[in-house]
Amino acid sequence: YGYGLFTGGLGIHAGAEKLGLTQVPVSGGMTPRQVRLIE
């Protein structure tokens, strides 16, 4: 969601931590880098 869409990004961030997920926060754009990190 990126922290440009900050209400979305921060909301997901806190919920993911509460559920006990390993979270990778990523800013918007930089699509080639996003694919690399997913893989």
All heavy atoms as atom14 arrays in JSON, in Angstrom:
{
  "sequence": "YGYGLFTGGLGIHAGAEKLGLTQVPVSGGMTPRQVRLIE",
  "atom14_mask": [
    [1, 1, 1, 1, 1, 1, 1, 1, 1, 1, 1, 1, 0, 0],
    [1, 1, 1, 1, 0, 0, 0, 0, 0, 0, 0, 0, 0, 0],
    [1, 1, 1, 1, 1, 1, 1, 1, 1, 1, 1, 1, 0, 0],
    [1, 1, 1, 1, 0, 0, 0, 0, 0, 0, 0, 0, 0, 0],
    [1, 1, 1, 1, 1, 1, 1, 1, 0, 0, 0, 0, 0, 0],
    [1, 1, 1, 1, 1, 1, 1, 1, 1, 1, 1, 0, 0, 0],
    [1, 1, 1, 1, 1, 1, 1, 0, 0, 0, 0, 0, 0, 0],
    [1, 1, 1, 1, 0, 0, 0, 0, 0, 0, 0, 0, 0, 0],
    [1, 1, 1, 1, 0, 0, 0, 0, 0, 0, 0, 0, 0, 0],
    [1, 1, 1, 1, 1, 1, 1, 1, 0, 0, 0, 0, 0, 0],
    [1, 1, 1, 1, 0, 0, 0, 0, 0, 0, 0, 0, 0, 0],
    [1, 1, 1, 1, 1, 1, 1, 1, 0, 0, 0, 0, 0, 0],
    [1, 1, 1, 1, 1, 1, 1, 1, 1, 1, 0, 0, 0, 0],
    [1, 1, 1, 1, 1, 0, 0, 0, 0, 0, 0, 0, 0, 0],
    [1, 1, 1, 1, 0, 0, 0, 0, 0, 0, 0, 0, 0, 0],
    [1, 1, 1, 1, 1, 0, 0, 0, 0, 0, 0, 0, 0, 0],
    [1, 1, 1, 1, 1, 1, 1, 1, 1, 0, 0, 0, 0, 0],
    [1, 1, 1, 1, 1, 1, 1, 1, 1, 0, 0, 0, 0, 0],
    [1, 1, 1, 1, 1, 1, 1, 1, 0, 0, 0, 0, 0, 0],
    [1, 1, 1, 1, 0, 0, 0, 0, 0, 0, 0, 0, 0, 0],
    [1, 1, 1, 1, 1, 1, 1, 1, 0, 0, 0, 0, 0, 0],
    [1, 1, 1, 1, 1, 1, 1, 0, 0, 0, 0, 0, 0, 0],
    [1, 1, 1, 1, 1, 1, 1, 1, 1, 0, 0, 0, 0, 0],
    [1, 1, 1, 1, 1, 1, 1, 0, 0, 0, 0, 0, 0, 0],
    [1, 1, 1, 1, 1, 1, 1, 0, 0, 0, 0, 0, 0, 0],
    [1, 1, 1, 1, 1, 1, 1, 0, 0, 0, 0, 0, 0, 0],
    [1, 1, 1, 1, 1, 1, 0, 0, 0, 0, 0, 0, 0, 0],
    [1, 1, 1, 1, 0, 0, 0, 0, 0, 0, 0, 0, 0, 0],
    [1, 1, 1, 1, 0, 0, 0, 0, 0, 0, 0, 0, 0, 0],
    [1, 1, 1, 1, 1, 1, 1, 1, 0, 0, 0, 0, 0, 0],
    [1, 1, 1, 1, 1, 1, 1, 0, 0, 0, 0, 0, 0, 0],
    [1, 1, 1, 1, 1, 1, 1, 0, 0, 0, 0, 0, 0, 0],
    [1, 1, 1, 1, 1, 1, 1, 1, 1, 1, 1, 0, 0, 0],
    [1, 1, 1, 1, 1, 1, 1, 1, 1, 0, 0, 0, 0, 0],
    [1, 1, 1, 1, 1, 1, 1, 0, 0, 0, 0, 0, 0, 0],
    [1, 1, 1, 1, 1, 1, 1, 1, 1, 1, 1, 0, 0, 0],
    [1, 1, 1, 1, 1, 1, 1, 1, 0, 0, 0, 0, 0, 0],
    [1, 1, 1, 1, 1, 1, 1, 1, 0, 0, 0, 0, 0, 0],
    [1, 1, 1, 1, 1, 1, 1, 1, 1, 0, 0, 0, 0, 0]
  ],
  "atom14_positions": [
    [[0.84, -1.2, 0.0], [0.0, 0.0, 0.0], [0.87, 1.24, 0.0], [0.49, 2.28, -0.49], [-0.93, 0.02, 1.22], [-2.19, -0.75, 0.99], [-2.55, -1.8, 1.81], [-3.03, -0.46, -0.07], [-3.69, -2.53, 1.6], [-4.17, -1.18, -0.31], [-4.5, -2.21, 0.53], [-5.63, -2.93, 0.3], [0.0, 0.0, 0.0], [0.0, 0.0, 0.0]],
    [[2.05, 1.08, 0.55], [2.97, 2.21, 0.55], [2.58, 3.2, 1.63], [1.44, 3.26, 2.07], [0.0, 0.0, 0.0], [0.0, 0.0, 0.0], [0.0, 0.0, 0.0], [0.0, 0.0, 0.0], [0.0, 0.0, 0.0], [0.0, 0.0, 0.0], [0.0, 0.0, 0.0], [0.0, 0.0, 0.0], [0.0, 0.0, 0.0], [0.0, 0.0, 0.0]],
    [[3.49, 3.97, 2.02], [3.24, 4.91, 3.1], [2.88, 6.27, 2.54], [2.75, 7.24, 3.27], [4.4, 4.88, 4.08], [4.42, 3.51, 4.73], [4.88, 2.39, 4.04], [3.85, 3.27, 5.94], [4.79, 1.11, 4.58], [3.77, 2.0, 6.5], [4.25, 0.94, 5.81], [4.16, -0.33, 6.34], [0.0, 0.0, 0.0], [0.0, 0.0, 0.0]],
    [[2.69, 6.33, 1.21], [2.03, 7.49, 0.6], [0.53, 7.38, 0.85], [-0.13, 8.35, 1.21], [0.0, 0.0, 0.0], [0.0, 0.0, 0.0], [0.0, 0.0, 0.0], [0.0, 0.0, 0.0], [0.0, 0.0, 0.0], [0.0, 0.0, 0.0], [0.0, 0.0, 0.0], [0.0, 0.0, 0.0], [0.0, 0.0, 0.0], [0.0, 0.0, 0.0]],
    [[-0.03, 6.18, 0.63], [-1.4, 5.89, 1.07], [-1.31, 5.56, 2.56], [-1.54, 4.45, 3.0], [-1.96, 4.69, 0.31], [-2.29, 4.89, -1.17], [-2.62, 3.56, -1.83], [-3.47, 5.83, -1.32], [0.0, 0.0, 0.0], [0.0, 0.0, 0.0], [0.0, 0.0, 0.0], [0.0, 0.0, 0.0], [0.0, 0.0, 0.0], [0.0, 0.0, 0.0]],
    [[-0.98, 6.56, 3.38], [-0.46, 6.24, 4.7], [-1.5, 5.65, 5.64], [-1.15, 4.83, 6.48], [0.24, 7.45, 5.34], [-0.66, 8.63, 5.61], [-1.23, 8.79, 6.84], [-0.88, 9.59, 4.64], [-2.04, 9.88, 7.1], [-1.69, 10.68, 4.9], [-2.28, 10.82, 6.13], [0.0, 0.0, 0.0], [0.0, 0.0, 0.0], [0.0, 0.0, 0.0]],
    [[-2.77, 6.06, 5.53], [-3.75, 5.45, 6.43], [-3.83, 3.95, 6.15], [-3.89, 3.13, 7.06], [-5.13, 6.12, 6.29], [-5.02, 7.49, 6.67], [-6.16, 5.44, 7.18], [0.0, 0.0, 0.0], [0.0, 0.0, 0.0], [0.0, 0.0, 0.0], [0.0, 0.0, 0.0], [0.0, 0.0, 0.0], [0.0, 0.0, 0.0], [0.0, 0.0, 0.0]],
    [[-3.83, 3.6, 4.86], [-3.83, 2.19, 4.5], [-2.56, 1.48, 4.93], [-2.59, 0.43, 5.57], [0.0, 0.0, 0.0], [0.0, 0.0, 0.0], [0.0, 0.0, 0.0], [0.0, 0.0, 0.0], [0.0, 0.0, 0.0], [0.0, 0.0, 0.0], [0.0, 0.0, 0.0], [0.0, 0.0, 0.0], [0.0, 0.0, 0.0], [0.0, 0.0, 0.0]],
    [[-1.42, 2.07, 4.58], [-0.13, 1.44, 4.88], [0.09, 1.25, 6.37], [0.51, 0.17, 6.82], [0.0, 0.0, 0.0], [0.0, 0.0, 0.0], [0.0, 0.0, 0.0], [0.0, 0.0, 0.0], [0.0, 0.0, 0.0], [0.0, 0.0, 0.0], [0.0, 0.0, 0.0], [0.0, 0.0, 0.0], [0.0, 0.0, 0.0], [0.0, 0.0, 0.0]],
    [[-0.21, 2.28, 7.16], [0.0, 2.2, 8.6], [-1.02, 1.27, 9.27], [-0.69, 0.57, 10.23], [-0.07, 3.59, 9.23], [1.12, 4.51, 8.89], [0.84, 5.93, 9.33], [2.4, 4.0, 9.55], [0.0, 0.0, 0.0], [0.0, 0.0, 0.0], [0.0, 0.0, 0.0], [0.0, 0.0, 0.0], [0.0, 0.0, 0.0], [0.0, 0.0, 0.0]],
    [[-2.25, 1.28, 8.77], [-3.27, 0.38, 9.32], [-2.89, -1.07, 9.12], [-2.95, -1.89, 10.06], [0.0, 0.0, 0.0], [0.0, 0.0, 0.0], [0.0, 0.0, 0.0], [0.0, 0.0, 0.0], [0.0, 0.0, 0.0], [0.0, 0.0, 0.0], [0.0, 0.0, 0.0], [0.0, 0.0, 0.0], [0.0, 0.0, 0.0], [0.0, 0.0, 0.0]],
    [[-2.49, -1.42, 7.91], [-2.05, -2.78, 7.62], [-0.82, -3.13, 8.46], [-0.71, -4.23, 9.01], [-1.75, -2.96, 6.13], [-3.03, -2.8, 5.3], [-1.1, -4.31, 5.87], [-4.1, -3.83, 5.53], [0.0, 0.0, 0.0], [0.0, 0.0, 0.0], [0.0, 0.0, 0.0], [0.0, 0.0, 0.0], [0.0, 0.0, 0.0], [0.0, 0.0, 0.0]],
    [[0.09, -2.18, 8.58], [1.34, -2.4, 9.33], [1.04, -2.87, 10.76], [1.56, -3.89, 11.21], [2.13, -1.08, 9.35], [3.52, -1.2, 9.85], [4.62, -1.05, 9.04], [4.0, -1.47, 11.09], [5.71, -1.23, 9.76], [5.36, -1.47, 11.0], [0.0, 0.0, 0.0], [0.0, 0.0, 0.0], [0.0, 0.0, 0.0], [0.0, 0.0, 0.0]],
    [[0.17, -2.13, 11.45], [-0.12, -2.46, 12.84], [-0.86, -3.8, 12.96], [-0.59, -4.6, 13.85], [-0.95, -1.34, 13.47], [0.0, 0.0, 0.0], [0.0, 0.0, 0.0], [0.0, 0.0, 0.0], [0.0, 0.0, 0.0], [0.0, 0.0, 0.0], [0.0, 0.0, 0.0], [0.0, 0.0, 0.0], [0.0, 0.0, 0.0], [0.0, 0.0, 0.0]],
    [[-1.82, -4.04, 12.05], [-2.57, -5.28, 12.09], [-1.71, -6.5, 11.8], [-1.86, -7.56, 12.4], [0.0, 0.0, 0.0], [0.0, 0.0, 0.0], [0.0, 0.0, 0.0], [0.0, 0.0, 0.0], [0.0, 0.0, 0.0], [0.0, 0.0, 0.0], [0.0, 0.0, 0.0], [0.0, 0.0, 0.0], [0.0, 0.0, 0.0], [0.0, 0.0, 0.0]],
    [[-0.77, -6.33, 10.86], [0.14, -7.43, 10.52], [1.01, -7.79, 11.71], [1.25, -8.97, 12.01], [1.0, -7.04, 9.32], [0.0, 0.0, 0.0], [0.0, 0.0, 0.0], [0.0, 0.0, 0.0], [0.0, 0.0, 0.0], [0.0, 0.0, 0.0], [0.0, 0.0, 0.0], [0.0, 0.0, 0.0], [0.0, 0.0, 0.0], [0.0, 0.0, 0.0]],
    [[1.49, -6.76, 12.41], [2.31, -7.03, 13.6], [1.49, -7.72, 14.68], [1.97, -8.63, 15.35], [2.9, -5.72, 14.12], [3.99, -5.16, 13.2], [4.64, -3.9, 13.71], [4.08, -3.27, 14.64], [5.71, -3.52, 13.18], [0.0, 0.0, 0.0], [0.0, 0.0, 0.0], [0.0, 0.0, 0.0], [0.0, 0.0, 0.0], [0.0, 0.0, 0.0]],
    [[0.23, -7.31, 14.84], [-0.62, -7.91, 15.86], [-0.9, -9.38, 15.55], [-0.98, -10.21, 16.47], [-1.93, -7.14, 16.0], [-2.79, -7.6, 17.15], [-3.46, -6.44, 17.84], [-4.03, -6.8, 19.19], [-4.38, -5.64, 20.0], [0.0, 0.0, 0.0], [0.0, 0.0, 0.0], [0.0, 0.0, 0.0], [0.0, 0.0, 0.0], [0.0, 0.0, 0.0]],
    [[-1.07, -9.73, 14.27], [-1.33, -11.11, 13.89], [-0.07, -11.97, 13.98], [-0.16, -13.19, 14.02], [-1.92, -11.16, 12.48], [-2.41, -12.52, 11.97], [-3.5, -13.1, 12.87], [-2.91, -12.41, 10.53], [0.0, 0.0, 0.0], [0.0, 0.0, 0.0], [0.0, 0.0, 0.0], [0.0, 0.0, 0.0], [0.0, 0.0, 0.0], [0.0, 0.0, 0.0]],
    [[1.08, -11.32, 14.04], [2.34, -12.06, 14.11], [2.92, -12.41, 12.76], [3.63, -13.41, 12.61], [0.0, 0.0, 0.0], [0.0, 0.0, 0.0], [0.0, 0.0, 0.0], [0.0, 0.0, 0.0], [0.0, 0.0, 0.0], [0.0, 0.0, 0.0], [0.0, 0.0, 0.0], [0.0, 0.0, 0.0], [0.0, 0.0, 0.0], [0.0, 0.0, 0.0]],
    [[2.62, -11.58, 11.75], [3.2, -11.78, 10.43], [4.6, -11.18, 10.38], [4.93, -10.27, 11.13], [2.32, -11.12, 9.36], [0.84, -11.5, 9.32], [0.15, -10.77, 8.17], [0.66, -13.0, 9.2], [0.0, 0.0, 0.0], [0.0, 0.0, 0.0], [0.0, 0.0, 0.0], [0.0, 0.0, 0.0], [0.0, 0.0, 0.0], [0.0, 0.0, 0.0]],
    [[5.4, -11.68, 9.46], [6.65, -11.02, 9.1], [6.29, -10.03, 8.0], [5.83, -10.42, 6.94], [7.68, -12.02, 8.59], [7.94, -13.01, 9.6], [8.98, -11.31, 8.22], [0.0, 0.0, 0.0], [0.0, 0.0, 0.0], [0.0, 0.0, 0.0], [0.0, 0.0, 0.0], [0.0, 0.0, 0.0], [0.0, 0.0, 0.0], [0.0, 0.0, 0.0]],
    [[6.51, -8.76, 8.27], [6.03, -7.75, 7.35], [7.16, -7.05, 6.62], [8.17, -6.7, 7.22], [5.2, -6.71, 8.1], [4.62, -5.63, 7.19], [3.8, -4.65, 7.97], [3.05, -3.87, 7.41], [3.91, -4.67, 9.3], [0.0, 0.0, 0.0], [0.0, 0.0, 0.0], [0.0, 0.0, 0.0], [0.0, 0.0, 0.0], [0.0, 0.0, 0.0]],
    [[6.98, -6.87, 5.32], [7.92, -6.11, 4.5], [7.21, -4.84, 4.02], [6.41, -4.88, 3.07], [8.4, -6.93, 3.29], [9.42, -6.14, 2.49], [8.98, -8.27, 3.74], [0.0, 0.0, 0.0], [0.0, 0.0, 0.0], [0.0, 0.0, 0.0], [0.0, 0.0, 0.0], [0.0, 0.0, 0.0], [0.0, 0.0, 0.0], [0.0, 0.0, 0.0]],
    [[7.42, -3.7, 4.68], [6.78, -2.46, 4.23], [7.5, -1.9, 3.01], [8.74, -1.87, 2.97], [6.92, -1.53, 5.43], [8.02, -2.08, 6.25], [8.24, -3.5, 5.88], [0.0, 0.0, 0.0], [0.0, 0.0, 0.0], [0.0, 0.0, 0.0], [0.0, 0.0, 0.0], [0.0, 0.0, 0.0], [0.0, 0.0, 0.0], [0.0, 0.0, 0.0]],
    [[6.74, -1.5, 2.01], [7.33, -1.04, 0.76], [6.64, 0.25, 0.33], [5.42, 0.34, 0.37], [7.16, -2.09, -0.36], [7.85, -1.62, -1.63], [7.75, -3.42, 0.08], [0.0, 0.0, 0.0], [0.0, 0.0, 0.0], [0.0, 0.0, 0.0], [0.0, 0.0, 0.0], [0.0, 0.0, 0.0], [0.0, 0.0, 0.0], [0.0, 0.0, 0.0]],
    [[7.41, 1.25, -0.08], [6.83, 2.49, -0.6], [6.25, 2.25, -1.98], [6.53, 1.24, -2.64], [7.89, 3.59, -0.66], [8.37, 3.87, 0.61], [0.0, 0.0, 0.0], [0.0, 0.0, 0.0], [0.0, 0.0, 0.0], [0.0, 0.0, 0.0], [0.0, 0.0, 0.0], [0.0, 0.0, 0.0], [0.0, 0.0, 0.0], [0.0, 0.0, 0.0]],
    [[5.42, 3.2, -2.43], [4.83, 3.07, -3.76], [5.88, 3.19, -4.86], [6.96, 3.75, -4.68], [0.0, 0.0, 0.0], [0.0, 0.0, 0.0], [0.0, 0.0, 0.0], [0.0, 0.0, 0.0], [0.0, 0.0, 0.0], [0.0, 0.0, 0.0], [0.0, 0.0, 0.0], [0.0, 0.0, 0.0], [0.0, 0.0, 0.0], [0.0, 0.0, 0.0]],
    [[5.56, 2.63, -6.02], [6.49, 2.68, -7.15], [7.62, 1.68, -7.0], [7.5, 0.66, -6.31], [0.0, 0.0, 0.0], [0.0, 0.0, 0.0], [0.0, 0.0, 0.0], [0.0, 0.0, 0.0], [0.0, 0.0, 0.0], [0.0, 0.0, 0.0], [0.0, 0.0, 0.0], [0.0, 0.0, 0.0], [0.0, 0.0, 0.0], [0.0, 0.0, 0.0]],
    [[8.69, 1.94, -7.69], [9.87, 1.05, -7.7], [9.46, -0.4, -7.98], [9.87, -1.34, -7.3], [10.66, 1.14, -6.38], [11.15, 2.51, -6.04], [12.1, 2.56, -4.5], [10.79, 2.24, -3.3], [0.0, 0.0, 0.0], [0.0, 0.0, 0.0], [0.0, 0.0, 0.0], [0.0, 0.0, 0.0], [0.0, 0.0, 0.0], [0.0, 0.0, 0.0]],
    [[8.64, -0.57, -9.01], [8.02, -1.87, -9.27], [9.04, -2.99, -9.5], [8.86, -4.1, -8.99], [7.04, -1.76, -10.45], [6.21, -0.6, -10.24], [6.13, -2.99, -10.52], [0.0, 0.0, 0.0], [0.0, 0.0, 0.0], [0.0, 0.0, 0.0], [0.0, 0.0, 0.0], [0.0, 0.0, 0.0], [0.0, 0.0, 0.0], [0.0, 0.0, 0.0]],
    [[10.14, -2.77, -10.24], [11.12, -3.86, -10.4], [11.66, -4.36, -9.05], [11.82, -5.57, -8.84], [12.23, -3.22, -11.24], [11.54, -2.11, -11.99], [10.51, -1.59, -11.05], [0.0, 0.0, 0.0], [0.0, 0.0, 0.0], [0.0, 0.0, 0.0], [0.0, 0.0, 0.0], [0.0, 0.0, 0.0], [0.0, 0.0, 0.0], [0.0, 0.0, 0.0]],
    [[11.9, -3.41, -8.13], [12.39, -3.79, -6.81], [11.32, -4.59, -6.05], [11.64, -5.54, -5.34], [12.77, -2.53, -6.03], [13.25, -2.79, -4.61], [13.76, -1.49, -3.99], [14.08, -1.63, -2.57], [13.23, -1.42, -1.59], [11.99, -1.02, -1.86], [13.59, -1.59, -0.33], [0.0, 0.0, 0.0], [0.0, 0.0, 0.0], [0.0, 0.0, 0.0]],
    [[10.06, -4.21, -6.21], [8.99, -4.93, -5.51], [8.94, -6.39, -5.95], [8.81, -7.29, -5.11], [7.64, -4.26, -5.77], [7.58, -2.82, -5.27], [6.3, -2.47, -4.56], [5.62, -3.32, -4.04], [5.99, -1.2, -4.5], [0.0, 0.0, 0.0], [0.0, 0.0, 0.0], [0.0, 0.0, 0.0], [0.0, 0.0, 0.0], [0.0, 0.0, 0.0]],
    [[9.04, -6.62, -7.24], [9.02, -7.99, -7.74], [10.19, -8.78, -7.17], [10.05, -9.92, -6.75], [9.02, -8.01, -9.29], [9.24, -9.43, -9.81], [7.7, -7.45, -9.82], [0.0, 0.0, 0.0], [0.0, 0.0, 0.0], [0.0, 0.0, 0.0], [0.0, 0.0, 0.0], [0.0, 0.0, 0.0], [0.0, 0.0, 0.0], [0.0, 0.0, 0.0]],
    [[11.36, -8.14, -7.15], [12.54, -8.83, -6.61], [12.31, -9.23, -5.14], [12.64, -10.35, -4.73], [13.78, -7.95, -6.73], [15.0, -8.61, -6.1], [16.29, -7.9, -6.36], [17.38, -8.68, -5.77], [18.65, -8.38, -5.91], [19.02, -7.31, -6.62], [19.58, -9.15, -5.34], [0.0, 0.0, 0.0], [0.0, 0.0, 0.0], [0.0, 0.0, 0.0]],
    [[11.76, -8.3, -4.35], [11.56, -8.59, -2.93], [10.51, -9.69, -2.74], [10.66, -10.54, -1.87], [11.14, -7.32, -2.18], [12.19, -6.2, -2.11], [11.67, -5.04, -1.25], [13.51, -6.7, -1.58], [0.0, 0.0, 0.0], [0.0, 0.0, 0.0], [0.0, 0.0, 0.0], [0.0, 0.0, 0.0], [0.0, 0.0, 0.0], [0.0, 0.0, 0.0]],
    [[9.44, -9.66, -3.52], [8.42, -10.72, -3.43], [9.07, -12.07, -3.69], [8.84, -13.04, -2.96], [7.27, -10.46, -4.43], [6.46, -9.23, -4.02], [6.35, -11.69, -4.52], [5.5, -8.73, -5.1], [0.0, 0.0, 0.0], [0.0, 0.0, 0.0], [0.0, 0.0, 0.0], [0.0, 0.0, 0.0], [0.0, 0.0, 0.0], [0.0, 0.0, 0.0]],
    [[9.89, -12.14, -4.72], [10.51, -13.4, -5.1], [11.61, -13.82, -4.12], [11.67, -14.96, -3.69], [11.08, -13.29, -6.53], [10.01, -13.28, -7.61], [9.26, -14.6, -7.71], [9.93, -15.67, -7.65], [8.02, -14.59, -7.81], [0.0, 0.0, 0.0], [0.0, 0.0, 0.0], [0.0, 0.0, 0.0], [0.0, 0.0, 0.0], [0.0, 0.0, 0.0]]
  ]
}
